[in-house]
Amino acid sequence: MPRGAESFAGAAICAVAALAISALASGHRWQVWVPLVFSAVLLLIALLFGSRAGVMGTVVATVIFAAFLFNPLRSIRVADAAARSNLGWMLLIGIGFSFLFAPPSSWLRRQ
């Protein structure tokens, strides 16, 4: 596997999961809490694919949630203050956990 491919695979999994969850949660009252719950997915991706995948997945998921989950749609501008705050917390948690708890490289490369 080429160097860095596992990082892109982890980020792609985050992107697909964020798109699926955005489609499921759109229009529900609890959609504001989705980024905080999604932090568990980011931690799992970081643990499996390494810290670089966790950081990349966090940034990709944040952009997807901003563009496809919160109003105005198809813009990274988020009108709701609570949603904007939760996106910020997801960024902080995802990047912080990626550096604190994830191994520097993926489990695929270590085996």
PDB file of N, CA and C in Angstrom:
ATOM      1  N   MET A   1       0.846  -1.178   0.000  1.00  0.00           N
ATOM      2  CA  MET A   1       0.000   0.000   0.000  1.00  0.00           C
ATOM      3  C   MET A   1       0.896   1.249   0.000  1.00  0.00           C
ATOM      4  N   PRO A   2       0.668   2.195  -0.886  1.00  0.00           N
ATOM      5  CA  PRO A   2       1.503   3.402  -0.937  1.00  0.00           C
ATOM      6  C   PRO A   2       1.431   4.193   0.368  1.00  0.00           C
ATOM      7  N   ARG A   3       2.517   4.852   0.681  1.00  0.00           N
ATOM      8  CA  ARG A   3       2.576   5.648   1.899  1.00  0.00           C
ATOM      9  C   ARG A   3       1.514   6.749   1.855  1.00  0.00           C
ATOM     10  N   GLY A   4       0.736   6.852   2.889  1.00  0.00           N
ATOM     11  CA  GLY A   4      -0.310   7.859   2.971  1.00  0.00           C
ATOM     12  C   GLY A   4      -1.658   7.389   2.468  1.00  0.00           C
ATOM     13  N   ALA A   5      -1.714   6.223   1.844  1.00  0.00           N
ATOM     14  CA  ALA A   5      -2.987   5.741   1.309  1.00  0.00           C
ATOM     15  C   ALA A   5      -3.979   5.435   2.425  1.00  0.00           C
ATOM     16  N   GLU A   6      -3.476   4.948   3.566  1.00  0.00           N
ATOM     17  CA  GLU A   6      -4.381   4.654   4.672  1.00  0.00           C
ATOM     18  C   GLU A   6      -4.982   5.940   5.250  1.00  0.00           C
ATOM     19  N   SER A   7      -4.252   7.033   5.174  1.00  0.00           N
ATOM     20  CA  SER A   7      -4.790   8.312   5.639  1.00  0.00           C
ATOM     21  C   SER A   7      -5.965   8.748   4.767  1.00  0.00           C
ATOM     22  N   PHE A   8      -5.789   8.606   3.469  1.00  0.00           N
ATOM     23  CA  PHE A   8      -6.873   8.972   2.560  1.00  0.00           C
ATOM     24  C   PHE A   8      -8.046   8.001   2.672  1.00  0.00           C
ATOM     25  N   ALA A   9      -7.765   6.747   2.943  1.00  0.00           N
ATOM     26  CA  ALA A   9      -8.853   5.780   3.141  1.00  0.00           C
ATOM     27  C   ALA A   9      -9.654   6.131   4.387  1.00  0.00           C
ATOM     28  N   GLY A  10      -8.977   6.480   5.465  1.00  0.00           N
ATOM     29  CA  GLY A  10      -9.671   6.876   6.691  1.00  0.00           C
ATOM     30  C   GLY A  10     -10.486   8.136   6.492  1.00  0.00           C
ATOM     31  N   ALA A  11      -9.919   9.115   5.790  1.00  0.00           N
ATOM     32  CA  ALA A  11     -10.651  10.349   5.511  1.00  0.00           C
ATOM     33  C   ALA A  11     -11.853  10.088   4.607  1.00  0.00           C
ATOM     34  N   ALA A  12     -11.712   9.175   3.654  1.00  0.00           N
ATOM     35  CA  ALA A  12     -12.830   8.833   2.768  1.00  0.00           C
ATOM     36  C   ALA A  12     -13.953   8.151   3.542  1.00  0.00           C
ATOM     37  N   ILE A  13     -13.595   7.294   4.486  1.00  0.00           N
ATOM     38  CA  ILE A  13     -14.611   6.657   5.322  1.00  0.00           C
ATOM     39  C   ILE A  13     -15.342   7.708   6.153  1.00  0.00           C
ATOM     40  N   CYS A  14     -14.612   8.668   6.689  1.00  0.00           N
ATOM     41  CA  CYS A  14     -15.242   9.767   7.431  1.00  0.00           C
ATOM     42  C   CYS A  14     -16.187  10.566   6.538  1.00  0.00           C
ATOM     43  N   ALA A  15     -15.758  10.824   5.297  1.00  0.00           N
ATOM     44  CA  ALA A  15     -16.590  11.592   4.375  1.00  0.00           C
ATOM     45  C   ALA A  15     -17.881  10.859   4.055  1.00  0.00           C
ATOM     46  N   VAL A  16     -17.792   9.577   3.769  1.00  0.00           N
ATOM     47  CA  VAL A  16     -18.993   8.792   3.452  1.00  0.00           C
ATOM     48  C   VAL A  16     -19.923   8.721   4.667  1.00  0.00           C
ATOM     49  N   ALA A  17     -19.344   8.506   5.843  1.00  0.00           N
ATOM     50  CA  ALA A  17     -20.160   8.446   7.061  1.00  0.00           C
ATOM     51  C   ALA A  17     -20.814   9.796   7.344  1.00  0.00           C
ATOM     52  N   ALA A  18     -20.093  10.890   7.141  1.00  0.00           N
ATOM     53  CA  ALA A  18     -20.662  12.219   7.369  1.00  0.00           C
ATOM     54  C   ALA A  18     -21.790  12.517   6.383  1.00  0.00           C
ATOM     55  N   LEU A  19     -21.612  12.120   5.132  1.00  0.00           N
ATOM     56  CA  LEU A  19     -22.685  12.316   4.149  1.00  0.00           C
ATOM     57  C   LEU A  19     -23.926  11.495   4.501  1.00  0.00           C
ATOM     58  N   ALA A  20     -23.721  10.252   4.918  1.00  0.00           N
ATOM     59  CA  ALA A  20     -24.852   9.397   5.283  1.00  0.00           C
ATOM     60  C   ALA A  20     -25.581   9.937   6.508  1.00  0.00           C
ATOM     61  N   ILE A  21     -24.841  10.356   7.508  1.00  0.00           N
ATOM     62  CA  ILE A  21     -25.470  10.883   8.720  1.00  0.00           C
ATOM     63  C   ILE A  21     -26.145  12.216   8.437  1.00  0.00           C
ATOM     64  N   SER A  22     -25.570  13.019   7.558  1.00  0.00           N
ATOM     65  CA  SER A  22     -26.212  14.285   7.183  1.00  0.00           C
ATOM     66  C   SER A  22     -27.559  14.026   6.516  1.00  0.00           C
ATOM     67  N   ALA A  23     -27.610  13.025   5.655  1.00  0.00           N
ATOM     68  CA  ALA A  23     -28.872  12.692   4.984  1.00  0.00           C
ATOM     69  C   ALA A  23     -29.908  12.186   5.985  1.00  0.00           C
ATOM     70  N   LEU A  24     -29.460  11.417   6.970  1.00  0.00           N
ATOM     71  CA  LEU A  24     -30.386  10.883   7.970  1.00  0.00           C
ATOM     72  C   LEU A  24     -30.886  11.947   8.945  1.00  0.00           C
ATOM     73  N   ALA A  25     -30.017  12.849   9.345  1.00  0.00           N
ATOM     74  CA  ALA A  25     -30.357  13.802  10.399  1.00  0.00           C
ATOM     75  C   ALA A  25     -30.976  15.092   9.886  1.00  0.00           C
ATOM     76  N   SER A  26     -30.892  15.342   8.603  1.00  0.00           N
ATOM     77  CA  SER A  26     -31.385  16.592   8.048  1.00  0.00           C
ATOM     78  C   SER A  26     -32.875  16.775   8.341  1.00  0.00           C
ATOM     79  N   GLY A  27     -33.205  17.915   8.914  1.00  0.00           N
ATOM     80  CA  GLY A  27     -34.593  18.241   9.208  1.00  0.00           C
ATOM     81  C   GLY A  27     -35.074  17.812  10.584  1.00  0.00           C
ATOM     82  N   HIS A  28     -34.279  17.071  11.319  1.00  0.00           N
ATOM     83  CA  HIS A  28     -34.662  16.659  12.665  1.00  0.00           C
ATOM     84  C   HIS A  28     -34.192  17.687  13.692  1.00  0.00           C
ATOM     85  N   ARG A  29     -34.864  17.699  14.828  1.00  0.00           N
ATOM     86  CA  ARG A  29     -34.497  18.656  15.877  1.00  0.00           C
ATOM     87  C   ARG A  29     -33.135  18.348  16.475  1.00  0.00           C
ATOM     88  N   TRP A  30     -32.715  17.103  16.426  1.00  0.00           N
ATOM     89  CA  TRP A  30     -31.455  16.696  17.038  1.00  0.00           C
ATOM     90  C   TRP A  30     -30.257  16.817  16.104  1.00  0.00           C
ATOM     91  N   GLN A  31     -30.455  17.404  14.936  1.00  0.00           N
ATOM     92  CA  GLN A  31     -29.357  17.529  13.985  1.00  0.00           C
ATOM     93  C   GLN A  31     -28.228  18.409  14.518  1.00  0.00           C
ATOM     94  N   VAL A  32     -28.531  19.297  15.439  1.00  0.00           N
ATOM     95  CA  VAL A  32     -27.507  20.165  16.017  1.00  0.00           C
ATOM     96  C   VAL A  32     -26.465  19.354  16.785  1.00  0.00           C
ATOM     97  N   TRP A  33     -26.869  18.210  17.342  1.00  0.00           N
ATOM     98  CA  TRP A  33     -25.980  17.385  18.168  1.00  0.00           C
ATOM     99  C   TRP A  33     -25.163  16.378  17.369  1.00  0.00           C
ATOM    100  N   VAL A  34     -25.434  16.253  16.098  1.00  0.00           N
ATOM    101  CA  VAL A  34     -24.758  15.262  15.264  1.00  0.00           C
ATOM    102  C   VAL A  34     -23.226  15.415  15.279  1.00  0.00           C
ATOM    103  N   PRO A  35     -22.672  16.621  15.153  1.00  0.00           N
ATOM    104  CA  PRO A  35     -21.203  16.716  15.160  1.00  0.00           C
ATOM    105  C   PRO A  35     -20.567  16.196  16.454  1.00  0.00           C
ATOM    106  N   LEU A  36     -21.205  16.426  17.577  1.00  0.00           N
ATOM    107  CA  LEU A  36     -20.637  15.944  18.836  1.00  0.00           C
ATOM    108  C   LEU A  36     -20.671  14.424  18.915  1.00  0.00           C
ATOM    109  N   VAL A  37     -21.738  13.818  18.460  1.00  0.00           N
ATOM    110  CA  VAL A  37     -21.839  12.359  18.463  1.00  0.00           C
ATOM    111  C   VAL A  37     -20.879  11.767  17.440  1.00  0.00           C
ATOM    112  N   PHE A  38     -20.686  12.462  16.335  1.00  0.00           N
ATOM    113  CA  PHE A  38     -19.791  11.990  15.279  1.00  0.00           C
ATOM    114  C   PHE A  38     -18.333  11.959  15.740  1.00  0.00           C
ATOM    115  N   SER A  39     -18.024  12.647  16.813  1.00  0.00           N
ATOM    116  CA  SER A  39     -16.654  12.626  17.349  1.00  0.00           C
ATOM    117  C   SER A  39     -16.212  11.215  17.706  1.00  0.00           C
ATOM    118  N   ALA A  40     -17.150  10.351  18.071  1.00  0.00           N
ATOM    119  CA  ALA A  40     -16.807   8.956  18.359  1.00  0.00           C
ATOM    120  C   ALA A  40     -16.311   8.249  17.093  1.00  0.00           C
ATOM    121  N   VAL A  41     -16.926   8.538  15.959  1.00  0.00           N
ATOM    122  CA  VAL A  41     -16.487   7.963  14.683  1.00  0.00           C
ATOM    123  C   VAL A  41     -15.081   8.464  14.349  1.00  0.00           C
ATOM    124  N   LEU A  42     -14.835   9.738  14.592  1.00  0.00           N
ATOM    125  CA  LEU A  42     -13.522  10.308  14.313  1.00  0.00           C
ATOM    126  C   LEU A  42     -12.444   9.665  15.180  1.00  0.00           C
ATOM    127  N   LEU A  43     -12.761   9.412  16.431  1.00  0.00           N
ATOM    128  CA  LEU A  43     -11.797   8.762  17.309  1.00  0.00           C
ATOM    129  C   LEU A  43     -11.502   7.346  16.831  1.00  0.00           C
ATOM    130  N   LEU A  44     -12.522   6.620  16.422  1.00  0.00           N
ATOM    131  CA  LEU A  44     -12.334   5.265  15.916  1.00  0.00           C
ATOM    132  C   LEU A  44     -11.472   5.257  14.649  1.00  0.00           C
ATOM    133  N   ILE A  45     -11.741   6.172  13.733  1.00  0.00           N
ATOM    134  CA  ILE A  45     -10.945   6.266  12.506  1.00  0.00           C
ATOM    135  C   ILE A  45      -9.495   6.598  12.842  1.00  0.00           C
ATOM    136  N   ALA A  46      -9.288   7.506  13.786  1.00  0.00           N
ATOM    137  CA  ALA A  46      -7.921   7.868  14.171  1.00  0.00           C
ATOM    138  C   ALA A  46      -7.200   6.689  14.804  1.00  0.00           C
ATOM    139  N   LEU A  47      -7.896   5.915  15.613  1.00  0.00           N
ATOM    140  CA  LEU A  47      -7.263   4.757  16.238  1.00  0.00           C
ATOM    141  C   LEU A  47      -6.904   3.686  15.212  1.00  0.00           C
ATOM    142  N   LEU A  48      -7.744   3.495  14.203  1.00  0.00           N
ATOM    143  CA  LEU A  48      -7.504   2.467  13.200  1.00  0.00           C
ATOM    144  C   LEU A  48      -6.515   2.892  12.120  1.00  0.00           C
ATOM    145  N   PHE A  49      -6.628   4.139  11.652  1.00  0.00           N
ATOM    146  CA  PHE A  49      -5.856   4.575  10.496  1.00  0.00           C
ATOM    147  C   PHE A  49      -4.738   5.566  10.826  1.00  0.00           C
ATOM    148  N   GLY A  50      -4.614   5.988  12.061  1.00  0.00           N
ATOM    149  CA  GLY A  50      -3.537   6.884  12.451  1.00  0.00           C
ATOM    150  C   GLY A  50      -3.991   8.321  12.631  1.00  0.00           C
ATOM    151  N   SER A  51      -3.083   9.113  13.184  1.00  0.00           N
ATOM    152  CA  SER A  51      -3.422  10.489  13.535  1.00  0.00           C
ATOM    153  C   SER A  51      -3.681  11.365  12.305  1.00  0.00           C
ATOM    154  N   ARG A  52      -2.938  11.132  11.224  1.00  0.00           N
ATOM    155  CA  ARG A  52      -3.152  11.932  10.008  1.00  0.00           C
ATOM    156  C   ARG A  52      -4.555  11.712   9.445  1.00  0.00           C
ATOM    157  N   ALA A  53      -5.018  10.470   9.452  1.00  0.00           N
ATOM    158  CA  ALA A  53      -6.370  10.170   8.972  1.00  0.00           C
ATOM    159  C   ALA A  53      -7.412  10.808   9.885  1.00  0.00           C
ATOM    160  N   GLY A  54      -7.148  10.828  11.190  1.00  0.00           N
ATOM    161  CA  GLY A  54      -8.079  11.459  12.120  1.00  0.00           C
ATOM    162  C   GLY A  54      -8.214  12.950  11.876  1.00  0.00           C
ATOM    163  N   VAL A  55      -7.106  13.617  11.632  1.00  0.00           N
ATOM    164  CA  VAL A  55      -7.146  15.056  11.370  1.00  0.00           C
ATOM    165  C   VAL A  55      -7.828  15.339  10.033  1.00  0.00           C
ATOM    166  N   MET A  56      -7.433  14.601   9.005  1.00  0.00           N
ATOM    167  CA  MET A  56      -8.050  14.803   7.686  1.00  0.00           C
ATOM    168  C   MET A  56      -9.547  14.492   7.731  1.00  0.00           C
ATOM    169  N   GLY A  57      -9.921  13.413   8.398  1.00  0.00           N
ATOM    170  CA  GLY A  57     -11.330  13.052   8.518  1.00  0.00           C
ATOM    171  C   GLY A  57     -12.128  14.087   9.281  1.00  0.00           C
ATOM    172  N   THR A  58     -11.525  14.683  10.301  1.00  0.00           N
ATOM    173  CA  THR A  58     -12.201  15.729  11.075  1.00  0.00           C
ATOM    174  C   THR A  58     -12.492  16.947  10.212  1.00  0.00           C
ATOM    175  N   VAL A  59     -11.518  17.378   9.452  1.00  0.00           N
ATOM    176  CA  VAL A  59     -11.703  18.561   8.602  1.00  0.00           C
ATOM    177  C   VAL A  59     -12.734  18.284   7.500  1.00  0.00           C
ATOM    178  N   VAL A  60     -12.650  17.117   6.882  1.00  0.00           N
ATOM    179  CA  VAL A  60     -13.597  16.763   5.816  1.00  0.00           C
ATOM    180  C   VAL A  60     -15.019  16.662   6.370  1.00  0.00           C
ATOM    181  N   ALA A  61     -15.180  16.011   7.520  1.00  0.00           N
ATOM    182  CA  ALA A  61     -16.510  15.867   8.123  1.00  0.00           C
ATOM    183  C   ALA A  61     -17.082  17.221   8.528  1.00  0.00           C
ATOM    184  N   THR A  62     -16.240  18.117   9.012  1.00  0.00           N
ATOM    185  CA  THR A  62     -16.713  19.450   9.393  1.00  0.00           C
ATOM    186  C   THR A  62     -17.243  20.209   8.187  1.00  0.00           C
ATOM    187  N   VAL A  63     -16.525  20.152   7.087  1.00  0.00           N
ATOM    188  CA  VAL A  63     -16.972  20.839   5.866  1.00  0.00           C
ATOM    189  C   VAL A  63     -18.272  20.207   5.350  1.00  0.00           C
ATOM    190  N   ILE A  64     -18.375  18.894   5.399  1.00  0.00           N
ATOM    191  CA  ILE A  64     -19.585  18.216   4.924  1.00  0.00           C
ATOM    192  C   ILE A  64     -20.778  18.583   5.799  1.00  0.00           C
ATOM    193  N   PHE A  65     -20.605  18.575   7.108  1.00  0.00           N
ATOM    194  CA  PHE A  65     -21.720  18.942   7.989  1.00  0.00           C
ATOM    195  C   PHE A  65     -22.128  20.396   7.769  1.00  0.00           C
ATOM    196  N   ALA A  66     -21.158  21.272   7.615  1.00  0.00           N
ATOM    197  CA  ALA A  66     -21.480  22.683   7.399  1.00  0.00           C
ATOM    198  C   ALA A  66     -22.221  22.876   6.077  1.00  0.00           C
ATOM    199  N   ALA A  67     -21.827  22.138   5.053  1.00  0.00           N
ATOM    200  CA  ALA A  67     -22.415  22.336   3.725  1.00  0.00           C
ATOM    201  C   ALA A  67     -23.742  21.612   3.528  1.00  0.00           C
ATOM    202  N   PHE A  68     -23.893  20.423   4.117  1.00  0.00           N
ATOM    203  CA  PHE A  68     -25.062  19.607   3.792  1.00  0.00           C
ATOM    204  C   PHE A  68     -26.028  19.358   4.941  1.00  0.00           C
ATOM    205  N   LEU A  69     -25.662  19.748   6.158  1.00  0.00           N
ATOM    206  CA  LEU A  69     -26.544  19.480   7.293  1.00  0.00           C
ATOM    207  C   LEU A  69     -27.195  20.746   7.824  1.00  0.00           C
ATOM    208  N   PHE A  70     -26.452  21.835   7.860  1.00  0.00           N
ATOM    209  CA  PHE A  70     -26.950  23.061   8.480  1.00  0.00           C
ATOM    210  C   PHE A  70     -27.241  24.128   7.439  1.00  0.00           C
ATOM    211  N   ASN A  71     -28.200  24.986   7.758  1.00  0.00           N
ATOM    212  CA  ASN A  71     -28.572  26.094   6.868  1.00  0.00           C
ATOM    213  C   ASN A  71     -27.541  27.190   6.947  1.00  0.00           C
ATOM    214  N   PRO A  72     -27.277  27.891   5.874  1.00  0.00           N
ATOM    215  CA  PRO A  72     -27.744  27.685   4.510  1.00  0.00           C
ATOM    216  C   PRO A  72     -27.029  26.496   3.865  1.00  0.00           C
ATOM    217  N   LEU A  73     -27.796  25.673   3.179  1.00  0.00           N
ATOM    218  CA  LEU A  73     -27.246  24.477   2.548  1.00  0.00           C
ATOM    219  C   LEU A  73     -26.313  24.839   1.402  1.00  0.00           C
ATOM    220  N   ARG A  74     -25.357  23.958   1.146  1.00  0.00           N
ATOM    221  CA  ARG A  74     -24.339  24.101   0.097  1.00  0.00           C
ATOM    222  C   ARG A  74     -23.456  25.332   0.298  1.00  0.00           C
ATOM    223  N   SER A  75     -23.269  25.696   1.564  1.00  0.00           N
ATOM    224  CA  SER A  75     -22.367  26.772   1.936  1.00  0.00           C
ATOM    225  C   SER A  75     -21.714  26.377   3.255  1.00  0.00           C
ATOM    226  N   ILE A  76     -20.453  26.730   3.421  1.00  0.00           N
ATOM    227  CA  ILE A  76     -19.815  26.379   4.687  1.00  0.00           C
ATOM    228  C   ILE A  76     -20.165  27.372   5.796  1.00  0.00           C
ATOM    229  N   ARG A  77     -20.916  28.400   5.449  1.00  0.00           N
ATOM    230  CA  ARG A  77     -21.414  29.332   6.447  1.00  0.00           C
ATOM    231  C   ARG A  77     -22.560  28.673   7.199  1.00  0.00           C
ATOM    232  N   VAL A  78     -22.534  28.712   8.527  1.00  0.00           N
ATOM    233  CA  VAL A  78     -23.580  28.098   9.352  1.00  0.00           C
ATOM    234  C   VAL A  78     -24.297  29.210  10.101  1.00  0.00           C
ATOM    235  N   ALA A  79     -25.620  29.295   9.914  1.00  0.00           N
ATOM    236  CA  ALA A  79     -26.395  30.377  10.502  1.00  0.00           C
ATOM    237  C   ALA A  79     -26.685  30.158  11.986  1.00  0.00           C
ATOM    238  N   ASP A  80     -26.934  28.935  12.397  1.00  0.00           N
ATOM    239  CA  ASP A  80     -27.303  28.632  13.775  1.00  0.00           C
ATOM    240  C   ASP A  80     -26.074  28.651  14.677  1.00  0.00           C
ATOM    241  N   ALA A  81     -26.145  29.438  15.746  1.00  0.00           N
ATOM    242  CA  ALA A  81     -25.002  29.577  16.653  1.00  0.00           C
ATOM    243  C   ALA A  81     -24.679  28.273  17.373  1.00  0.00           C
ATOM    244  N   ALA A  82     -25.699  27.513  17.764  1.00  0.00           N
ATOM    245  CA  ALA A  82     -25.463  26.244  18.461  1.00  0.00           C
ATOM    246  C   ALA A  82     -24.797  25.233  17.531  1.00  0.00           C
ATOM    247  N   ALA A  83     -25.237  25.175  16.285  1.00  0.00           N
ATOM    248  CA  ALA A  83     -24.625  24.270  15.314  1.00  0.00           C
ATOM    249  C   ALA A  83     -23.182  24.675  15.041  1.00  0.00           C
ATOM    250  N   ARG A  84     -22.945  25.965  14.910  1.00  0.00           N
ATOM    251  CA  ARG A  84     -21.585  26.455  14.683  1.00  0.00           C
ATOM    252  C   ARG A  84     -20.678  26.118  15.867  1.00  0.00           C
ATOM    253  N   SER A  85     -21.202  26.245  17.066  1.00  0.00           N
ATOM    254  CA  SER A  85     -20.444  25.900  18.263  1.00  0.00           C
ATOM    255  C   SER A  85     -20.133  24.407  18.320  1.00  0.00           C
ATOM    256  N   ASN A  86     -21.114  23.578  18.001  1.00  0.00           N
ATOM    257  CA  ASN A  86     -20.889  22.129  18.015  1.00  0.00           C
ATOM    258  C   ASN A  86     -19.907  21.692  16.939  1.00  0.00           C
ATOM    259  N   LEU A  87     -19.908  22.360  15.786  1.00  0.00           N
ATOM    260  CA  LEU A  87     -18.904  22.073  14.761  1.00  0.00           C
ATOM    261  C   LEU A  87     -17.500  22.433  15.266  1.00  0.00           C
ATOM    262  N   GLY A  88     -17.403  23.539  15.969  1.00  0.00           N
ATOM    263  CA  GLY A  88     -16.119  23.925  16.546  1.00  0.00           C
ATOM    264  C   GLY A  88     -15.634  22.927  17.583  1.00  0.00           C
ATOM    265  N   TRP A  89     -16.553  22.453  18.416  1.00  0.00           N
ATOM    266  CA  TRP A  89     -16.185  21.438  19.408  1.00  0.00           C
ATOM    267  C   TRP A  89     -15.777  20.138  18.731  1.00  0.00           C
ATOM    268  N   MET A  90     -16.456  19.774  17.648  1.00  0.00           N
ATOM    269  CA  MET A  90     -16.083  18.560  16.934  1.00  0.00           C
ATOM    270  C   MET A  90     -14.667  18.694  16.361  1.00  0.00           C
ATOM    271  N   LEU A  91     -14.349  19.857  15.810  1.00  0.00           N
ATOM    272  CA  LEU A  91     -12.994  20.093  15.307  1.00  0.00           C
ATOM    273  C   LEU A  91     -11.965  19.960  16.427  1.00  0.00           C
ATOM    274  N   LEU A  92     -12.244  20.577  17.554  1.00  0.00           N
ATOM    275  CA  LEU A  92     -11.322  20.523  18.684  1.00  0.00           C
ATOM    276  C   LEU A  92     -11.149  19.101  19.208  1.00  0.00           C
ATOM    277  N   ILE A  93     -12.255  18.396  19.385  1.00  0.00           N
ATOM    278  CA  ILE A  93     -12.200  17.024  19.890  1.00  0.00           C
ATOM    279  C   ILE A  93     -11.519  16.101  18.886  1.00  0.00           C
ATOM    280  N   GLY A  94     -11.898  16.193  17.620  1.00  0.00           N
ATOM    281  CA  GLY A  94     -11.344  15.308  16.603  1.00  0.00           C
ATOM    282  C   GLY A  94      -9.850  15.479  16.414  1.00  0.00           C
ATOM    283  N   ILE A  95      -9.403  16.716  16.316  1.00  0.00           N
ATOM    284  CA  ILE A  95      -7.973  16.960  16.118  1.00  0.00           C
ATOM    285  C   ILE A  95      -7.202  16.654  17.400  1.00  0.00           C
ATOM    286  N   GLY A  96      -7.743  17.065  18.531  1.00  0.00           N
ATOM    287  CA  GLY A  96      -7.068  16.793  19.799  1.00  0.00           C
ATOM    288  C   GLY A  96      -6.933  15.312  20.084  1.00  0.00           C
ATOM    289  N   PHE A  97      -8.018  14.563  19.918  1.00  0.00           N
ATOM    290  CA  PHE A  97      -7.965  13.118  20.154  1.00  0.00           C
ATOM    291  C   PHE A  97      -7.052  12.424  19.151  1.00  0.00           C
ATOM    292  N   SER A  98      -6.998  12.928  17.926  1.00  0.00           N
ATOM    293  CA  SER A  98      -6.125  12.320  16.925  1.00  0.00           C
ATOM    294  C   SER A  98      -4.664  12.414  17.341  1.00  0.00           C
ATOM    295  N   PHE A  99      -4.283  13.530  17.891  1.00  0.00           N
ATOM    296  CA  PHE A  99      -2.894  13.690  18.316  1.00  0.00           C
ATOM    297  C   PHE A  99      -2.612  13.051  19.666  1.00  0.00           C
ATOM    298  N   LEU A 100      -3.606  13.019  20.550  1.00  0.00           N
ATOM    299  CA  LEU A 100      -3.365  12.492  21.898  1.00  0.00           C
ATOM    300  C   LEU A 100      -3.455  10.975  21.988  1.00  0.00           C
ATOM    301  N   PHE A 101      -4.424  10.376  21.305  1.00  0.00           N
ATOM    302  CA  PHE A 101      -4.707   8.963  21.520  1.00  0.00           C
ATOM    303  C   PHE A 101      -4.376   8.047  20.346  1.00  0.00           C
ATOM    304  N   ALA A 102      -4.277   8.587  19.160  1.00  0.00           N
ATOM    305  CA  ALA A 102      -4.066   7.736  17.987  1.00  0.00           C
ATOM    306  C   ALA A 102      -2.581   7.486  17.775  1.00  0.00           C
ATOM    307  N   PRO A 103      -2.246   6.323  17.234  1.00  0.00           N
ATOM    308  CA  PRO A 103      -0.850   6.068  16.872  1.00  0.00           C
ATOM    309  C   PRO A 103      -0.469   6.935  15.676  1.00  0.00           C
ATOM    310  N   PRO A 104       0.806   7.205  15.489  1.00  0.00           N
ATOM    311  CA  PRO A 104       1.209   8.060  14.369  1.00  0.00           C
ATOM    312  C   PRO A 104       0.932   7.449  12.995  1.00  0.00           C
ATOM    313  N   SER A 105       0.917   6.119  12.897  1.00  0.00           N
ATOM    314  CA  SER A 105       0.608   5.480  11.613  1.00  0.00           C
ATOM    315  C   SER A 105      -0.498   4.448  11.826  1.00  0.00           C
ATOM    316  N   SER A 106      -1.025   3.949  10.733  1.00  0.00           N
ATOM    317  CA  SER A 106      -2.169   3.047  10.817  1.00  0.00           C
ATOM    318  C   SER A 106      -1.763   1.664  11.286  1.00  0.00           C
ATOM    319  N   TRP A 107      -2.731   0.898  11.723  1.00  0.00           N
ATOM    320  CA  TRP A 107      -2.484  -0.479  12.136  1.00  0.00           C
ATOM    321  C   TRP A 107      -2.141  -1.354  10.941  1.00  0.00           C
ATOM    322  N   LEU A 108      -2.545  -0.924   9.727  1.00  0.00           N
ATOM    323  CA  LEU A 108      -2.195  -1.658   8.522  1.00  0.00           C
ATOM    324  C   LEU A 108      -0.690  -1.624   8.267  1.00  0.00           C
ATOM    325  N   ARG A 109      -0.082  -0.475   8.494  1.00  0.00           N
ATOM    326  CA  ARG A 109       1.344  -0.320   8.241  1.00  0.00           C
ATOM    327  C   ARG A 109       2.172  -1.047   9.308  1.00  0.00           C
ATOM    328  N   ARG A 110       1.659  -1.144  10.530  1.00  0.00           N
ATOM    329  CA  ARG A 110       2.399  -1.778  11.616  1.00  0.00           C
ATOM    330  C   ARG A 110       2.410  -3.287  11.496  1.00  0.00           C
ATOM    331  N   GLN A 111       1.512  -3.872  10.717  1.00  0.00           N
ATOM    332  CA  GLN A 111       1.444  -5.338  10.631  1.00  0.00           C
ATOM    333  C   GLN A 111       2.221  -5.875   9.465  1.00  0.00           C
TER     334      GLN A 111
END
